[in-house]
Amino acid sequence: MFIPLYDRNPHIRIERPYVTYGLLALCVVVFLYQVNGSLRDFQLSVLSYGAIPALVFGEAEPAPWMVAPSLSLLTANFLHGSWWHLIGNMLFLRVFGDNIEDAMGHGRFFAFYLICGIGAILAHAIAQPDSTMPVVGASGAVSGVMGAYLLLHPRSSILTLIGWLILPLPAFLLLIVWMGFQVFSALGESGAGAAVAWWAHIGGFLLGMALTPFFKRGTAPYGGITGIKKGIRLRRPKDDTEERKGPWR
């Protein structure tokens, strides 16, 4: 429905979003490894490293060639089921991730991302505890990033693809509509056979919002900035002291 393409939101506290770039690269490399073989090899990679709710909660025993169920909560975040699955998640991560890394710092953002991903998969497993279908993808972790973005940069302009049109939308509108679609889909498509882990998206988004106050830098304000004030681009401060004196306080 709504595909974010680009946000007009500069970095204030970091030069480059190295963690965001690293996560993008890692997911791409892992997927290239997944598809570098037969269809059976691809399926085995999903079964071996994906998170299966019935295994996570001990309702079934993993095969010897599978990673430990607890470890799968982490590894599943870096696997994907198709090229479109990968491209969609990486596009959302690229649009929203850099500014959250800017607000949290590299190390905190990395920890935040992993915690949101693990929590999102647990939310899916709680919703479908008997499911034997593996869940894979960065969607839950990226949803957490989007939840943080809603709190920190709700007024930022997002260039969004809507059908065949590209329009600027405020981030809060885009993210609220996206979240509403997840809830509607989760309530309408239930059962262990659901093709999309909707509850992982919802859980990750809510967890990201809940964790943001604990991970953001104290000088990163809620409500954020648009990047442009009266036609003047805000410059990156040299240190936190200068930052506190700036117009973005």
C-alpha atoms as a PDB file:
ATOM      1  CA  MET A   1       0.000   0.000   0.000  1.00  0.00           C
ATOM      2  CA  PHE A   2       2.608   2.528   1.144  1.00  0.00           C
ATOM      3  CA  ILE A   3       6.277   1.994   0.278  1.00  0.00           C
ATOM      4  CA  PRO A   4       8.746   4.481   1.833  1.00  0.00           C
ATOM      5  CA  LEU A   5      11.537   5.473  -0.539  1.00  0.00           C
ATOM      6  CA  TYR A   6      13.459   8.285   1.133  1.00  0.00           C
ATOM      7  CA  ASP A   7      13.261  10.570   4.150  1.00  0.00           C
ATOM      8  CA  ARG A   8      14.434  14.163   4.244  1.00  0.00           C
ATOM      9  CA  ASN A   9      16.022  13.898   7.655  1.00  0.00           C
ATOM     10  CA  PRO A  10      19.754  14.672   8.115  1.00  0.00           C
ATOM     11  CA  HIS A  11      22.122  13.080  10.603  1.00  0.00           C
ATOM     12  CA  ILE A  12      22.879  15.364  13.542  1.00  0.00           C
ATOM     13  CA  ARG A  13      25.099  13.273  15.843  1.00  0.00           C
ATOM     14  CA  ILE A  14      26.929  10.800  13.599  1.00  0.00           C
ATOM     15  CA  GLU A  15      28.853  11.078  10.344  1.00  0.00           C
ATOM     16  CA  ARG A  16      27.718   7.776   8.841  1.00  0.00           C
ATOM     17  CA  PRO A  17      25.203   5.118   9.949  1.00  0.00           C
ATOM     18  CA  TYR A  18      27.775   2.333   9.921  1.00  0.00           C
ATOM     19  CA  VAL A  19      25.630  -0.135  11.865  1.00  0.00           C
ATOM     20  CA  THR A  20      22.678   0.329   9.511  1.00  0.00           C
ATOM     21  CA  TYR A  21      24.944  -0.208   6.517  1.00  0.00           C
ATOM     22  CA  GLY A  22      26.498  -3.243   8.210  1.00  0.00           C
ATOM     23  CA  LEU A  23      23.113  -4.828   8.922  1.00  0.00           C
ATOM     24  CA  LEU A  24      22.048  -4.232   5.326  1.00  0.00           C
ATOM     25  CA  ALA A  25      25.229  -5.840   4.017  1.00  0.00           C
ATOM     26  CA  LEU A  26      24.982  -8.793   6.399  1.00  0.00           C
ATOM     27  CA  CYS A  27      21.413  -9.597   5.391  1.00  0.00           C
ATOM     28  CA  VAL A  28      22.325  -9.419   1.702  1.00  0.00           C
ATOM     29  CA  VAL A  29      25.388 -11.636   2.139  1.00  0.00           C
ATOM     30  CA  VAL A  30      23.422 -14.209   4.138  1.00  0.00           C
ATOM     31  CA  PHE A  31      20.686 -14.308   1.498  1.00  0.00           C
ATOM     32  CA  LEU A  32      23.237 -14.748  -1.281  1.00  0.00           C
ATOM     33  CA  TYR A  33      24.545 -17.727   0.685  1.00  0.00           C
ATOM     34  CA  GLN A  34      20.990 -19.056   0.998  1.00  0.00           C
ATOM     35  CA  VAL A  35      20.344 -18.951  -2.749  1.00  0.00           C
ATOM     36  CA  ASN A  36      23.795 -20.227  -3.719  1.00  0.00           C
ATOM     37  CA  GLY A  37      22.618 -23.791  -4.141  1.00  0.00           C
ATOM     38  CA  SER A  38      19.598 -25.921  -4.885  1.00  0.00           C
ATOM     39  CA  LEU A  39      16.048 -25.317  -3.726  1.00  0.00           C
ATOM     40  CA  ARG A  40      16.577 -28.070  -1.138  1.00  0.00           C
ATOM     41  CA  ASP A  41      19.627 -26.246   0.226  1.00  0.00           C
ATOM     42  CA  PHE A  42      17.593 -23.058   0.504  1.00  0.00           C
ATOM     43  CA  GLN A  43      14.825 -24.828   2.381  1.00  0.00           C
ATOM     44  CA  LEU A  44      17.343 -26.465   4.701  1.00  0.00           C
ATOM     45  CA  SER A  45      18.843 -23.067   5.538  1.00  0.00           C
ATOM     46  CA  VAL A  46      15.409 -21.808   6.577  1.00  0.00           C
ATOM     47  CA  LEU A  47      14.660 -24.909   8.630  1.00  0.00           C
ATOM     48  CA  SER A  48      18.119 -24.975  10.206  1.00  0.00           C
ATOM     49  CA  TYR A  49      18.366 -21.325  11.252  1.00  0.00           C
ATOM     50  CA  GLY A  50      14.768 -20.098  11.258  1.00  0.00           C
ATOM     51  CA  ALA A  51      12.787 -19.798  14.488  1.00  0.00           C
ATOM     52  CA  ILE A  52      10.049 -22.436  14.886  1.00  0.00           C
ATOM     53  CA  PRO A  53       7.587 -21.583  17.682  1.00  0.00           C
ATOM     54  CA  ALA A  54       6.965 -25.220  18.645  1.00  0.00           C
ATOM     55  CA  LEU A  55      10.713 -25.649  19.185  1.00  0.00           C
ATOM     56  CA  VAL A  56      11.164 -22.341  20.993  1.00  0.00           C
ATOM     57  CA  PHE A  57       8.634 -23.367  23.635  1.00  0.00           C
ATOM     58  CA  GLY A  58       9.780 -26.979  23.834  1.00  0.00           C
ATOM     59  CA  GLU A  59       6.660 -28.543  22.296  1.00  0.00           C
ATOM     60  CA  ALA A  60       8.884 -30.406  19.821  1.00  0.00           C
ATOM     61  CA  GLU A  61      12.499 -31.533  19.604  1.00  0.00           C
ATOM     62  CA  PRO A  62      14.879 -29.990  17.046  1.00  0.00           C
ATOM     63  CA  ALA A  63      16.711 -32.178  14.570  1.00  0.00           C
ATOM     64  CA  PRO A  64      20.466 -32.605  15.137  1.00  0.00           C
ATOM     65  CA  TRP A  65      21.299 -30.326  12.199  1.00  0.00           C
ATOM     66  CA  MET A  66      19.227 -27.408  13.534  1.00  0.00           C
ATOM     67  CA  VAL A  67      20.636 -24.629  15.675  1.00  0.00           C
ATOM     68  CA  ALA A  68      19.465 -24.455  19.273  1.00  0.00           C
ATOM     69  CA  PRO A  69      15.949 -22.963  19.491  1.00  0.00           C
ATOM     70  CA  SER A  70      17.219 -20.128  21.678  1.00  0.00           C
ATOM     71  CA  LEU A  71      19.898 -19.256  19.114  1.00  0.00           C
ATOM     72  CA  SER A  72      17.361 -19.368  16.288  1.00  0.00           C
ATOM     73  CA  LEU A  73      15.696 -16.308  17.831  1.00  0.00           C
ATOM     74  CA  LEU A  74      18.807 -14.430  16.711  1.00  0.00           C
ATOM     75  CA  THR A  75      19.761 -16.174  13.466  1.00  0.00           C
ATOM     76  CA  ALA A  76      16.236 -15.957  12.035  1.00  0.00           C
ATOM     77  CA  ASN A  77      16.580 -12.169  11.850  1.00  0.00           C
ATOM     78  CA  PHE A  78      19.232 -12.415   9.139  1.00  0.00           C
ATOM     79  CA  LEU A  79      17.507 -14.928   6.843  1.00  0.00           C
ATOM     80  CA  HIS A  80      14.888 -14.147   4.205  1.00  0.00           C
ATOM     81  CA  GLY A  81      12.398 -16.171   2.231  1.00  0.00           C
ATOM     82  CA  SER A  82      12.683 -14.473  -1.171  1.00  0.00           C
ATOM     83  CA  TRP A  83      14.280 -11.601  -3.026  1.00  0.00           C
ATOM     84  CA  TRP A  84      11.192  -9.446  -2.512  1.00  0.00           C
ATOM     85  CA  HIS A  85      11.191 -10.257   1.193  1.00  0.00           C
ATOM     86  CA  LEU A  86      14.813  -9.119   1.414  1.00  0.00           C
ATOM     87  CA  ILE A  87      14.393  -5.999  -0.731  1.00  0.00           C
ATOM     88  CA  GLY A  88      11.327  -4.830   1.187  1.00  0.00           C
ATOM     89  CA  ASN A  89      12.954  -5.214   4.596  1.00  0.00           C
ATOM     90  CA  MET A  90      16.202  -3.597   3.508  1.00  0.00           C
ATOM     91  CA  LEU A  91      14.366  -0.655   1.961  1.00  0.00           C
ATOM     92  CA  PHE A  92      12.502   0.008   5.208  1.00  0.00           C
ATOM     93  CA  LEU A  93      15.719  -0.395   7.216  1.00  0.00           C
ATOM     94  CA  ARG A  94      17.587   2.029   4.956  1.00  0.00           C
ATOM     95  CA  VAL A  95      14.873   4.690   5.187  1.00  0.00           C
ATOM     96  CA  PHE A  96      14.288   4.530   8.947  1.00  0.00           C
ATOM     97  CA  GLY A  97      17.414   2.969  10.439  1.00  0.00           C
ATOM     98  CA  ASP A  98      19.996   5.705   9.923  1.00  0.00           C
ATOM     99  CA  ASN A  99      18.123   8.348  11.927  1.00  0.00           C
ATOM    100  CA  ILE A 100      17.469   5.966  14.806  1.00  0.00           C
ATOM    101  CA  GLU A 101      21.158   5.083  14.829  1.00  0.00           C
ATOM    102  CA  ASP A 102      21.827   8.822  14.853  1.00  0.00           C
ATOM    103  CA  ALA A 103      19.567   9.259  17.892  1.00  0.00           C
ATOM    104  CA  MET A 104      20.970   6.276  19.819  1.00  0.00           C
ATOM    105  CA  GLY A 105      24.580   5.970  18.750  1.00  0.00           C
ATOM    106  CA  HIS A 106      26.148   2.983  17.015  1.00  0.00           C
ATOM    107  CA  GLY A 107      26.440   0.543  19.909  1.00  0.00           C
ATOM    108  CA  ARG A 108      23.049   1.239  21.455  1.00  0.00           C
ATOM    109  CA  PHE A 109      21.338   1.031  18.093  1.00  0.00           C
ATOM    110  CA  PHE A 110      22.895  -2.360  17.391  1.00  0.00           C
ATOM    111  CA  ALA A 111      21.690  -3.713  20.740  1.00  0.00           C
ATOM    112  CA  PHE A 112      18.268  -2.117  20.220  1.00  0.00           C
ATOM    113  CA  TYR A 113      17.933  -3.740  16.799  1.00  0.00           C
ATOM    114  CA  LEU A 114      18.782  -7.220  18.049  1.00  0.00           C
ATOM    115  CA  ILE A 115      16.506  -6.980  21.091  1.00  0.00           C
ATOM    116  CA  CYS A 116      13.596  -5.836  18.919  1.00  0.00           C
ATOM    117  CA  GLY A 117      14.216  -8.694  16.491  1.00  0.00           C
ATOM    118  CA  ILE A 118      14.305 -11.325  19.229  1.00  0.00           C
ATOM    119  CA  GLY A 119      11.273  -9.821  20.969  1.00  0.00           C
ATOM    120  CA  ALA A 120       9.321  -9.729  17.716  1.00  0.00           C
ATOM    121  CA  ILE A 121       9.915 -13.415  17.064  1.00  0.00           C
ATOM    122  CA  LEU A 122       8.856 -14.229  20.625  1.00  0.00           C
ATOM    123  CA  ALA A 123       5.640 -12.254  20.051  1.00  0.00           C
ATOM    124  CA  HIS A 124       4.933 -14.384  16.991  1.00  0.00           C
ATOM    125  CA  ALA A 125       5.736 -17.563  18.912  1.00  0.00           C
ATOM    126  CA  ILE A 126       3.402 -16.549  21.743  1.00  0.00           C
ATOM    127  CA  ALA A 127       0.607 -15.902  19.245  1.00  0.00           C
ATOM    128  CA  GLN A 128       1.185 -19.262  17.512  1.00  0.00           C
ATOM    129  CA  PRO A 129       2.952 -21.512  20.073  1.00  0.00           C
ATOM    130  CA  ASP A 130       2.132 -24.771  18.253  1.00  0.00           C
ATOM    131  CA  SER A 131       3.290 -23.639  14.817  1.00  0.00           C
ATOM    132  CA  THR A 132       5.936 -25.779  13.132  1.00  0.00           C
ATOM    133  CA  MET A 133       6.527 -23.259  10.351  1.00  0.00           C
ATOM    134  CA  PRO A 134       9.879 -21.431  10.598  1.00  0.00           C
ATOM    135  CA  VAL A 135       9.784 -17.649  10.760  1.00  0.00           C
ATOM    136  CA  VAL A 136      12.620 -15.716   9.115  1.00  0.00           C
ATOM    137  CA  GLY A 137      13.347 -12.143   8.185  1.00  0.00           C
ATOM    138  CA  ALA A 138      14.406  -8.787   9.560  1.00  0.00           C
ATOM    139  CA  SER A 139      10.804  -7.550   9.605  1.00  0.00           C
ATOM    140  CA  GLY A 140      10.419  -7.689  13.394  1.00  0.00           C
ATOM    141  CA  ALA A 141      13.657  -5.830  14.082  1.00  0.00           C
ATOM    142  CA  VAL A 142      12.880  -3.249  11.399  1.00  0.00           C
ATOM    143  CA  SER A 143       9.411  -2.822  12.895  1.00  0.00           C
ATOM    144  CA  GLY A 144      11.099  -1.909  16.176  1.00  0.00           C
ATOM    145  CA  VAL A 145      13.116   0.729  14.332  1.00  0.00           C
ATOM    146  CA  MET A 146       9.883   2.083  12.855  1.00  0.00           C
ATOM    147  CA  GLY A 147       8.327   2.278  16.307  1.00  0.00           C
ATOM    148  CA  ALA A 148      11.285   4.354  17.480  1.00  0.00           C
ATOM    149  CA  TYR A 149      10.984   6.571  14.407  1.00  0.00           C
ATOM    150  CA  LEU A 150       7.341   7.303  15.223  1.00  0.00           C
ATOM    151  CA  LEU A 151       8.392   8.675  18.617  1.00  0.00           C
ATOM    152  CA  LEU A 152      11.529  10.517  17.547  1.00  0.00           C
ATOM    153  CA  HIS A 153      10.721  11.810  14.038  1.00  0.00           C
ATOM    154  CA  PRO A 154       6.937  11.863  13.575  1.00  0.00           C
ATOM    155  CA  ARG A 155       6.982  15.085  11.536  1.00  0.00           C
ATOM    156  CA  SER A 156       9.709  14.080   9.087  1.00  0.00           C
ATOM    157  CA  SER A 157       8.711  13.994   5.449  1.00  0.00           C
ATOM    158  CA  ILE A 158       8.880  10.550   3.813  1.00  0.00           C
ATOM    159  CA  LEU A 159       8.800  10.236   0.038  1.00  0.00           C
ATOM    160  CA  THR A 160       6.346   7.381  -0.367  1.00  0.00           C
ATOM    161  CA  LEU A 161       5.276   5.262  -3.309  1.00  0.00           C
ATOM    162  CA  ILE A 162       1.472   4.990  -3.353  1.00  0.00           C
ATOM    163  CA  GLY A 163       0.357   2.995  -6.357  1.00  0.00           C
ATOM    164  CA  TRP A 164       2.091   4.780  -9.221  1.00  0.00           C
ATOM    165  CA  LEU A 165       2.507   8.077  -7.381  1.00  0.00           C
ATOM    166  CA  ILE A 166       5.407   9.289  -5.253  1.00  0.00           C
ATOM    167  CA  LEU A 167       4.163  11.681  -2.589  1.00  0.00           C
ATOM    168  CA  PRO A 168       5.679  13.225   0.567  1.00  0.00           C
ATOM    169  CA  LEU A 169       3.883  12.001   3.682  1.00  0.00           C
ATOM    170  CA  PRO A 170       4.491  12.855   7.333  1.00  0.00           C
ATOM    171  CA  ALA A 171       6.113   9.913   9.073  1.00  0.00           C
ATOM    172  CA  PHE A 172       3.396   9.636  11.729  1.00  0.00           C
ATOM    173  CA  LEU A 173       0.708   9.150   9.058  1.00  0.00           C
ATOM    174  CA  LEU A 174       2.703   6.548   7.165  1.00  0.00           C
ATOM    175  CA  LEU A 175       3.627   4.592  10.296  1.00  0.00           C
ATOM    176  CA  ILE A 176       0.178   4.686  11.878  1.00  0.00           C
ATOM    177  CA  VAL A 177      -1.420   3.458   8.649  1.00  0.00           C
ATOM    178  CA  TRP A 178       1.240   0.742   8.388  1.00  0.00           C
ATOM    179  CA  MET A 179       0.610  -0.367  11.978  1.00  0.00           C
ATOM    180  CA  GLY A 180      -3.136  -0.385  11.421  1.00  0.00           C
ATOM    181  CA  PHE A 181      -2.664  -2.637   8.413  1.00  0.00           C
ATOM    182  CA  GLN A 182      -0.586  -5.065  10.495  1.00  0.00           C
ATOM    183  CA  VAL A 183      -3.264  -5.281  13.204  1.00  0.00           C
ATOM    184  CA  PHE A 184      -6.057  -5.684  10.648  1.00  0.00           C
ATOM    185  CA  SER A 185      -4.117  -8.434   8.862  1.00  0.00           C
ATOM    186  CA  ALA A 186      -3.214 -10.221  12.104  1.00  0.00           C
ATOM    187  CA  LEU A 187      -6.843 -10.314  13.233  1.00  0.00           C
ATOM    188  CA  GLY A 188      -8.070 -11.378   9.807  1.00  0.00           C
ATOM    189  CA  GLU A 189      -5.430 -14.036   9.075  1.00  0.00           C
ATOM    190  CA  SER A 190      -5.000 -16.333  12.059  1.00  0.00           C
ATOM    191  CA  GLY A 191      -3.783 -19.838  12.630  1.00  0.00           C
ATOM    192  CA  ALA A 192      -0.521 -21.671  12.223  1.00  0.00           C
ATOM    193  CA  GLY A 193      -0.789 -21.531   8.432  1.00  0.00           C
ATOM    194  CA  ALA A 194      -0.560 -17.734   8.202  1.00  0.00           C
ATOM    195  CA  ALA A 195       1.951 -16.812   5.510  1.00  0.00           C
ATOM    196  CA  VAL A 196       3.151 -13.622   7.209  1.00  0.00           C
ATOM    197  CA  ALA A 197       4.219 -13.260  10.836  1.00  0.00           C
ATOM    198  CA  TRP A 198       1.962 -10.271  11.494  1.00  0.00           C
ATOM    199  CA  TRP A 199       2.312 -10.512  15.266  1.00  0.00           C
ATOM    200  CA  ALA A 200       6.083 -10.279  14.910  1.00  0.00           C
ATOM    201  CA  HIS A 201       5.612  -6.937  13.145  1.00  0.00           C
ATOM    202  CA  ILE A 202       3.208  -5.700  15.825  1.00  0.00           C
ATOM    203  CA  GLY A 203       5.345  -6.969  18.697  1.00  0.00           C
ATOM    204  CA  GLY A 204       8.516  -5.495  17.249  1.00  0.00           C
ATOM    205  CA  PHE A 205       6.880  -2.112  16.655  1.00  0.00           C
ATOM    206  CA  LEU A 206       5.472  -1.871  20.185  1.00  0.00           C
ATOM    207  CA  LEU A 207       8.709  -3.119  21.733  1.00  0.00           C
ATOM    208  CA  GLY A 208      10.663  -0.514  19.772  1.00  0.00           C
ATOM    209  CA  MET A 209       8.440   2.238  21.133  1.00  0.00           C
ATOM    210  CA  ALA A 210       8.782   0.903  24.680  1.00  0.00           C
ATOM    211  CA  LEU A 211      12.593   0.646  24.497  1.00  0.00           C
ATOM    212  CA  THR A 212      13.261   3.976  22.803  1.00  0.00           C
ATOM    213  CA  PRO A 213      13.350   6.052  26.043  1.00  0.00           C
ATOM    214  CA  PHE A 214      16.049   3.737  27.418  1.00  0.00           C
ATOM    215  CA  PHE A 215      18.225   3.651  24.292  1.00  0.00           C
ATOM    216  CA  LYS A 216      18.054   7.134  22.812  1.00  0.00           C
ATOM    217  CA  ARG A 217      20.604   9.729  23.790  1.00  0.00           C
ATOM    218  CA  GLY A 218      19.342  12.220  26.342  1.00  0.00           C
ATOM    219  CA  THR A 219      19.797  15.058  23.877  1.00  0.00           C
ATOM    220  CA  ALA A 220      17.747  13.382  21.147  1.00  0.00           C
ATOM    221  CA  PRO A 221      14.308  14.991  21.521  1.00  0.00           C
ATOM    222  CA  TYR A 222      10.960  13.353  20.999  1.00  0.00           C
ATOM    223  CA  GLY A 223       9.245  14.829  17.976  1.00  0.00           C
ATOM    224  CA  GLY A 224      12.529  15.185  16.136  1.00  0.00           C
ATOM    225  CA  ILE A 225      13.240  17.690  13.387  1.00  0.00           C
ATOM    226  CA  THR A 226      12.382  17.930   9.729  1.00  0.00           C
ATOM    227  CA  GLY A 227      15.957  18.829   8.788  1.00  0.00           C
ATOM    228  CA  ILE A 228      14.946  22.225   7.364  1.00  0.00           C
ATOM    229  CA  LYS A 229      14.009  25.315   9.344  1.00  0.00           C
ATOM    230  CA  LYS A 230      13.239  28.480   7.408  1.00  0.00           C
ATOM    231  CA  GLY A 231      15.256  27.189   4.484  1.00  0.00           C
ATOM    232  CA  ILE A 232      18.442  26.673   6.520  1.00  0.00           C
ATOM    233  CA  ARG A 233      19.849  23.168   6.861  1.00  0.00           C
ATOM    234  CA  LEU A 234      20.820  22.358  10.428  1.00  0.00           C
ATOM    235  CA  ARG A 235      24.482  21.500  10.849  1.00  0.00           C
ATOM    236  CA  ARG A 236      25.761  18.585  12.913  1.00  0.00           C
ATOM    237  CA  PRO A 237      26.981  19.735  16.348  1.00  0.00           C
ATOM    238  CA  LYS A 238      30.582  19.130  17.346  1.00  0.00           C
ATOM    239  CA  ASP A 239      29.693  17.688  20.735  1.00  0.00           C
ATOM    240  CA  ASP A 240      26.803  17.168  23.119  1.00  0.00           C
ATOM    241  CA  THR A 241      27.412  20.554  24.795  1.00  0.00           C
ATOM    242  CA  GLU A 242      26.869  22.367  21.535  1.00  0.00           C
ATOM    243  CA  GLU A 243      23.931  20.103  20.782  1.00  0.00           C
ATOM    244  CA  ARG A 244      22.085  21.146  23.935  1.00  0.00           C
ATOM    245  CA  LYS A 245      22.369  24.785  22.853  1.00  0.00           C
ATOM    246  CA  GLY A 246      21.034  24.133  19.368  1.00  0.00           C
ATOM    247  CA  PRO A 247      17.550  24.825  17.989  1.00  0.00           C
ATOM    248  CA  TRP A 248      16.709  21.115  18.102  1.00  0.00           C
ATOM    249  CA  ARG A 249      16.718  20.990  21.906  1.00  0.00           C
END
